[in-house]
Structures are given as C-alpha cells and as structure tokens.
Amino acid sequence: MKFLKISLNSLLATGTIAASSKKYSKLIADSAKLSHKKCVVELGPGDGVITKEIIKQISSKTTFFCLEINEKFVFETQKNCPNTTVYHASAIEITKYLKKHDQSKCDCVISGLPWALFEQKKQEEIIDEIYKSLENGGQFLTIAYITGIFFPSGIRFKKLLQEKFSNVKTTKIIWSNFLPAFAYICTK
C-alpha cells in the first residue's frame, strides 16, 4: 500500500502503481547471473523488491549500490534493505557514483526505470550514460511492461537498445506481475 501511495504522487517518475512481484524480481536477478559480477548498479529500485533479490545473489566482494530519484523510495529501499547503499540521485549520475566507489566501470546495471514514459532525448541521454559506465561485455538489464511495447516510446526504446548494444535478448513474460512484465538483457 505504501508503494501505491508513493508512486501515485510521482507516477511519471515511477511508471507503475505496484511493486514488482517476487517472481519477476527473481527472474531479473537470475537473468543477470549476479554471483560472477564485480560491480552492480541498480537504477530506480523503488521500494527495494528487486534489490532484495540482488543482495541474495551477489558475492560479498561485489560493489553494489542504487540510484533512486524519489526521496521517499530512497527511504523505503534503505528500510527494506538496511545494508544497501542507496543514493538520492538520477541515473544520469552513474559515473559520478562509480567513482565514489573507486570504480571506473561496472559489469552490470539493473534498471527499474519507466522507459516508455520518457521522451526520446531522456531515453538516449540515460542509455548513453549506462553504456559508458559498462565495461566491454557488461550487461544492462531493464524492466519492460508488456503494455509499454505498444506505445511509440516503448517501440523507440527497443530500437535504441538494438542500435546501442551488440546483443539484445528478452526474458519470458511474467504474466502474474502487475503489470505483466519481461526484461531486456543487453550486452555491450
């Protein structure tokens, strides 16, 4: 209920009114093969439901932090995942926070950002920053709602991913998620 209240106050920033399901969160974390990652960044963790799955699967030696633009969700993620570093910051600042953790690149970015709600310029700007932050062979995984693939911005986003990354795959659809969702898995 708290997720709904927070997201309704900033629907264009969150892009949904419900947190990801456990089944969907596990799909994202499993698809990332996190046990082998050295540096993982989560963008837009919301209330931390995917964050919990990431924490379960990363090594104790993995550098991990989150960037969340909504201050209330920063608080919720910190409350739900107390040992996780969550910055009140934009996804555009990924390089700045990598440097703060003595990293120049990461090998995995997981995103819960509402891409289909972003204008083209914003999509391109954030994807450029993500791409620059990834080492060669690094992976970018992002949430995608089945409803978003029919909107011009969702179609444009898929095309942007295919132009930018050397390999773009999709996971199966989790129909029980509200809204039904899948993930794009992109490799640099």
Protein backbone atom coordinates (compact mmCIF):
# COMPACT_ATOMS: atom_id res chain seq x y z
CA MET A 1 0.00 0.00 0.00
CA LYS A 2 2.91 2.33 0.76
CA PHE A 3 4.35 1.75 -2.74
CA LEU A 4 0.99 2.74 -4.26
CA LYS A 5 0.81 5.94 -2.22
CA ILE A 6 4.36 7.00 -3.09
CA SER A 7 4.04 6.10 -6.77
CA LEU A 8 0.72 7.91 -7.23
CA ASN A 9 2.41 11.12 -6.05
CA SER A 10 5.03 10.78 -8.81
CA LEU A 11 3.59 8.40 -11.40
CA LEU A 12 5.65 9.81 -14.27
CA ALA A 13 8.85 9.11 -12.35
CA THR A 14 7.91 5.63 -11.13
CA GLY A 15 5.90 4.42 -14.14
CA THR A 16 3.79 1.93 -12.16
CA ILE A 17 1.43 1.75 -9.23
CA ALA A 18 2.62 -1.61 -7.92
CA ALA A 19 5.99 -3.00 -6.92
CA SER A 20 7.45 -5.84 -8.97
CA SER A 21 6.37 -9.30 -7.87
CA LYS A 22 8.80 -11.68 -6.17
CA LYS A 23 8.64 -13.95 -9.21
CA TYR A 24 9.58 -11.09 -11.54
CA SER A 25 12.29 -9.80 -9.19
CA LYS A 26 13.83 -13.27 -9.07
CA LEU A 27 13.71 -13.51 -12.88
CA ILE A 28 15.69 -10.26 -13.17
CA ALA A 29 18.32 -11.32 -10.62
CA ASP A 30 18.64 -14.84 -12.06
CA SER A 31 18.99 -13.49 -15.61
CA ALA A 32 21.87 -11.23 -14.51
CA LYS A 33 23.96 -14.16 -13.21
CA LEU A 34 25.00 -11.97 -10.29
CA SER A 35 27.30 -14.38 -8.45
CA HIS A 36 30.01 -13.62 -11.03
CA LYS A 37 29.64 -9.82 -11.08
CA LYS A 38 32.25 -7.48 -9.59
CA CYS A 39 30.26 -4.23 -9.66
CA VAL A 40 26.46 -3.96 -9.89
CA VAL A 41 24.41 -0.76 -10.03
CA GLU A 42 20.63 -0.67 -9.67
CA LEU A 43 18.73 2.28 -11.11
CA GLY A 44 15.29 3.09 -9.74
CA PRO A 45 14.97 0.45 -7.02
CA GLY A 46 11.57 1.76 -5.87
CA ASP A 47 10.93 0.13 -2.51
CA GLY A 48 13.73 -2.43 -2.92
CA VAL A 49 11.89 -5.56 -4.02
CA ILE A 50 14.41 -6.32 -6.81
CA THR A 51 17.20 -5.05 -4.57
CA LYS A 52 16.44 -7.87 -2.11
CA GLU A 53 16.94 -10.46 -4.85
CA ILE A 54 20.18 -8.79 -5.97
CA ILE A 55 21.54 -8.87 -2.42
CA LYS A 56 20.76 -12.59 -2.15
CA GLN A 57 22.78 -13.38 -5.26
CA ILE A 58 25.82 -11.09 -5.30
CA SER A 59 29.15 -12.02 -3.76
CA SER A 60 30.23 -10.35 -0.53
CA LYS A 61 33.09 -8.85 -2.60
CA THR A 62 30.74 -7.25 -5.17
CA THR A 63 30.47 -3.46 -5.18
CA PHE A 64 26.74 -2.70 -5.16
CA PHE A 65 24.74 0.50 -4.85
CA CYS A 66 21.44 2.01 -6.02
CA LEU A 67 20.45 5.36 -7.50
CA GLU A 68 16.86 6.49 -6.83
CA ILE A 69 15.41 9.88 -7.81
CA ASN A 70 12.40 9.72 -5.47
CA GLU A 71 13.47 10.58 -1.92
CA LYS A 72 10.61 8.57 -0.37
CA PHE A 73 11.70 5.46 -2.27
CA VAL A 74 15.29 6.03 -1.12
CA PHE A 75 13.98 5.80 2.43
CA GLU A 76 11.86 2.70 1.65
CA THR A 77 14.74 0.85 -0.03
CA GLN A 78 17.06 1.67 2.87
CA LYS A 79 14.42 0.48 5.33
CA ASN A 80 13.77 -2.77 3.40
CA CYS A 81 17.47 -3.40 2.60
CA PRO A 82 19.32 -1.80 5.53
CA ASN A 83 22.86 -2.77 4.50
CA THR A 84 22.48 -1.41 0.96
CA THR A 85 23.84 1.92 -0.18
CA VAL A 86 21.07 3.95 -1.83
CA TYR A 87 21.79 7.42 -3.18
CA HIS A 88 19.14 10.06 -3.80
CA ALA A 89 20.36 10.68 -7.33
CA SER A 90 19.48 10.47 -11.01
CA ALA A 91 20.53 7.61 -13.30
CA ILE A 92 22.45 10.24 -15.28
CA GLU A 93 24.93 10.38 -12.37
CA ILE A 94 26.02 6.75 -12.59
CA THR A 95 29.66 7.59 -13.43
CA LYS A 96 29.90 10.02 -10.51
CA TYR A 97 28.81 7.32 -8.06
CA LEU A 98 31.02 4.66 -9.60
CA LYS A 99 33.98 6.97 -8.92
CA LYS A 100 32.75 7.40 -5.34
CA HIS A 101 33.16 3.63 -5.00
CA ASP A 102 36.61 3.68 -6.66
CA GLN A 103 35.22 2.09 -9.83
CA SER A 104 35.63 3.40 -13.37
CA LYS A 105 33.19 0.87 -14.89
CA CYS A 106 30.70 -1.74 -13.76
CA ASP A 107 29.83 -5.10 -15.26
CA CYS A 108 26.08 -4.99 -14.59
CA VAL A 109 23.36 -2.33 -14.49
CA ILE A 110 19.84 -3.33 -13.49
CA SER A 111 17.12 -0.79 -14.14
CA GLY A 112 13.57 -0.32 -12.95
CA LEU A 113 13.19 2.98 -14.83
CA PRO A 114 9.91 3.63 -16.72
CA TRP A 115 11.45 3.91 -20.20
CA ALA A 116 8.17 4.03 -22.10
CA LEU A 117 7.24 7.22 -20.24
CA PHE A 118 10.46 9.04 -21.17
CA GLU A 119 10.84 11.34 -24.14
CA GLN A 120 13.40 10.32 -26.78
CA LYS A 121 16.07 12.74 -25.58
CA LYS A 122 15.85 11.46 -22.00
CA GLN A 123 15.95 7.82 -23.13
CA GLU A 124 19.05 8.48 -25.24
CA GLU A 125 20.79 10.50 -22.52
CA ILE A 126 20.36 7.83 -19.85
CA ILE A 127 21.21 4.92 -22.18
CA ASP A 128 24.39 6.76 -23.25
CA GLU A 129 25.44 7.10 -19.60
CA ILE A 130 24.66 3.47 -18.86
CA TYR A 131 26.60 2.34 -21.93
CA LYS A 132 29.62 4.47 -20.95
CA SER A 133 29.53 3.05 -17.42
CA LEU A 134 29.65 -0.58 -18.57
CA GLU A 135 32.87 -2.46 -19.24
CA ASN A 136 33.09 -4.38 -22.51
CA GLY A 137 30.95 -7.49 -22.15
CA GLY A 138 28.97 -5.83 -19.35
CA GLN A 139 25.23 -6.34 -19.09
CA PHE A 140 22.31 -3.97 -18.86
CA LEU A 141 19.02 -5.49 -17.69
CA THR A 142 15.87 -3.43 -17.61
CA ILE A 143 12.27 -3.92 -16.70
CA ALA A 144 9.73 -3.70 -19.52
CA TYR A 145 5.98 -3.85 -19.14
CA ILE A 146 4.07 -5.66 -21.85
CA THR A 147 1.77 -2.63 -22.23
CA GLY A 148 4.74 -0.34 -22.96
CA ILE A 149 5.84 -2.21 -26.07
CA PHE A 150 2.80 -0.92 -27.95
CA PHE A 151 3.47 2.77 -27.29
CA PRO A 152 5.68 4.74 -29.69
CA SER A 153 8.13 5.48 -26.84
CA GLY A 154 8.38 1.76 -25.99
CA ILE A 155 8.98 0.87 -29.64
CA ARG A 156 11.58 3.64 -29.87
CA PHE A 157 13.28 2.35 -26.70
CA LYS A 158 13.61 -1.19 -28.07
CA LYS A 159 15.12 0.21 -31.28
CA LEU A 160 17.54 2.35 -29.24
CA LEU A 161 18.72 -0.73 -27.32
CA GLN A 162 19.26 -2.66 -30.56
CA GLU A 163 21.27 0.22 -32.04
CA LYS A 164 23.42 0.71 -28.95
CA PHE A 165 24.17 -2.81 -27.68
CA SER A 166 25.82 -5.69 -29.51
CA ASN A 167 23.27 -8.22 -28.23
CA VAL A 168 19.70 -7.66 -27.02
CA LYS A 169 17.53 -10.53 -25.73
CA THR A 170 14.28 -10.70 -23.82
CA THR A 171 13.26 -12.92 -20.92
CA LYS A 172 9.98 -14.74 -20.69
CA ILE A 173 6.95 -12.69 -19.68
CA ILE A 174 5.81 -12.92 -16.07
CA TRP A 175 2.06 -12.69 -16.55
CA SER A 176 1.34 -12.74 -12.80
CA ASN A 177 3.23 -9.46 -12.30
CA PHE A 178 1.09 -6.34 -12.11
CA LEU A 179 1.52 -5.21 -14.94
CA PRO A 180 2.77 -8.26 -16.91
CA ALA A 181 6.50 -7.73 -17.47
CA PHE A 182 9.65 -9.09 -19.05
CA ALA A 183 13.22 -7.83 -19.11
CA TYR A 184 15.57 -6.75 -21.83
CA ILE A 185 19.06 -8.23 -21.39
CA CYS A 186 21.59 -6.14 -23.29
CA THR A 187 25.30 -6.87 -23.65
CA LYS A 188 27.91 -4.25 -24.51
